Amino acid sequence: HRSLPASSKEVDLERNVLQSLDSVPLLAIRRFSARSLRFMDAYRKGLNGKQAAWASKKYRGHRVLPETIMRDLTDAGLVDNTC
């Protein structure tokens, strides 16, 4: 989108956005969407950024994280049990 001419007209902006979206492969959009859903689910379950990244990578074939995620994090040494 940076290579497209700058404009403040709504018609030009809409055209630029559509051109930019058309240049991204649908598979890349779907993969980003699935990864985003896993991160949102991780944060919803109380994970921090490091834990969310680990869980997103480990469970990349899943849309959401399993209910056993906290046990899995403990087993992986990513949960501080000193509290």
Protein backbone atom coordinates (compact mmCIF):
# COMPACT_ATOMS: atom_id res chain seq x y z
CA HIS A 1 0.00 0.00 0.00
CA ARG A 2 2.98 2.34 0.47
CA SER A 3 3.73 2.21 -3.25
CA LEU A 4 0.24 3.46 -4.09
CA PRO A 5 -0.27 7.23 -4.50
CA ALA A 6 -1.19 9.02 -1.28
CA SER A 7 -4.63 10.60 -1.14
CA SER A 8 -7.20 11.80 1.35
CA LYS A 9 -10.16 11.19 -0.95
CA GLU A 10 -12.40 8.39 0.25
CA VAL A 11 -12.73 6.89 -3.23
CA ASP A 12 -8.94 6.70 -3.64
CA LEU A 13 -8.47 5.29 -0.15
CA GLU A 14 -11.03 2.56 -0.76
CA ARG A 15 -9.41 1.66 -4.08
CA ASN A 16 -5.96 1.53 -2.43
CA VAL A 17 -7.23 -0.72 0.38
CA LEU A 18 -8.89 -3.11 -2.07
CA GLN A 19 -5.73 -3.24 -4.21
CA SER A 20 -3.61 -3.93 -1.15
CA LEU A 21 -5.91 -6.71 0.07
CA ASP A 22 -5.98 -8.27 -3.39
CA SER A 23 -2.17 -8.44 -3.35
CA VAL A 24 -2.14 -10.66 -0.22
CA PRO A 25 -2.73 -14.39 -0.81
CA LEU A 26 -5.91 -15.72 0.78
CA LEU A 27 -3.93 -18.49 2.50
CA ALA A 28 -1.77 -15.89 4.28
CA ILE A 29 -4.87 -14.06 5.50
CA ARG A 30 -6.38 -17.30 6.80
CA ARG A 31 -3.16 -18.29 8.60
CA PHE A 32 -2.86 -14.86 10.22
CA SER A 33 -6.50 -15.05 11.29
CA ALA A 34 -6.05 -18.49 12.88
CA ARG A 35 -2.90 -17.35 14.71
CA SER A 36 -4.69 -14.25 15.96
CA LEU A 37 -7.54 -16.40 17.28
CA ARG A 38 -5.07 -18.58 19.19
CA PHE A 39 -3.45 -15.51 20.76
CA MET A 40 -6.84 -14.08 21.74
CA ASP A 41 -7.80 -17.40 23.32
CA ALA A 42 -4.49 -17.51 25.19
CA TYR A 43 -4.96 -14.01 26.62
CA ARG A 44 -8.57 -14.87 27.52
CA LYS A 45 -7.22 -17.83 29.52
CA GLY A 46 -4.83 -15.56 31.43
CA LEU A 47 -1.55 -16.31 29.66
CA ASN A 48 1.13 -13.64 29.30
CA GLY A 49 2.86 -12.79 26.01
CA LYS A 50 5.66 -15.37 26.29
CA GLN A 51 3.21 -18.12 27.26
CA ALA A 52 0.80 -17.11 24.49
CA ALA A 53 3.57 -17.26 21.88
CA TRP A 54 4.66 -20.71 23.10
CA ALA A 55 1.08 -22.03 23.11
CA SER A 56 0.34 -20.55 19.69
CA LYS A 57 3.35 -22.32 18.22
CA LYS A 58 2.72 -25.63 20.01
CA TYR A 59 -0.97 -25.78 19.09
CA ARG A 60 -0.70 -24.27 15.62
CA GLY A 61 -3.04 -26.87 14.12
CA HIS A 62 -5.86 -25.90 16.48
CA ARG A 63 -8.24 -22.95 16.49
CA VAL A 64 -8.30 -22.66 20.27
CA LEU A 65 -6.08 -23.84 23.08
CA PRO A 66 -6.96 -26.95 25.11
CA GLU A 67 -8.36 -26.71 28.62
CA THR A 68 -5.14 -28.37 29.85
CA ILE A 69 -3.02 -25.41 28.72
CA MET A 70 -1.92 -24.42 32.24
CA ARG A 71 -0.70 -27.97 32.96
CA ASP A 72 1.14 -27.98 29.62
CA LEU A 73 2.79 -24.65 30.48
CA THR A 74 3.85 -25.98 33.87
CA ASP A 75 5.32 -29.10 32.27
CA ALA A 76 7.23 -26.87 29.82
CA GLY A 77 8.58 -24.73 32.67
CA LEU A 78 6.76 -21.58 31.58
CA VAL A 79 4.71 -21.06 34.75
CA ASP A 80 6.20 -19.56 37.89
CA ASN A 81 4.92 -21.64 40.82
CA THR A 82 6.79 -19.66 43.51
CA CYS A 83 3.71 -17.62 44.51
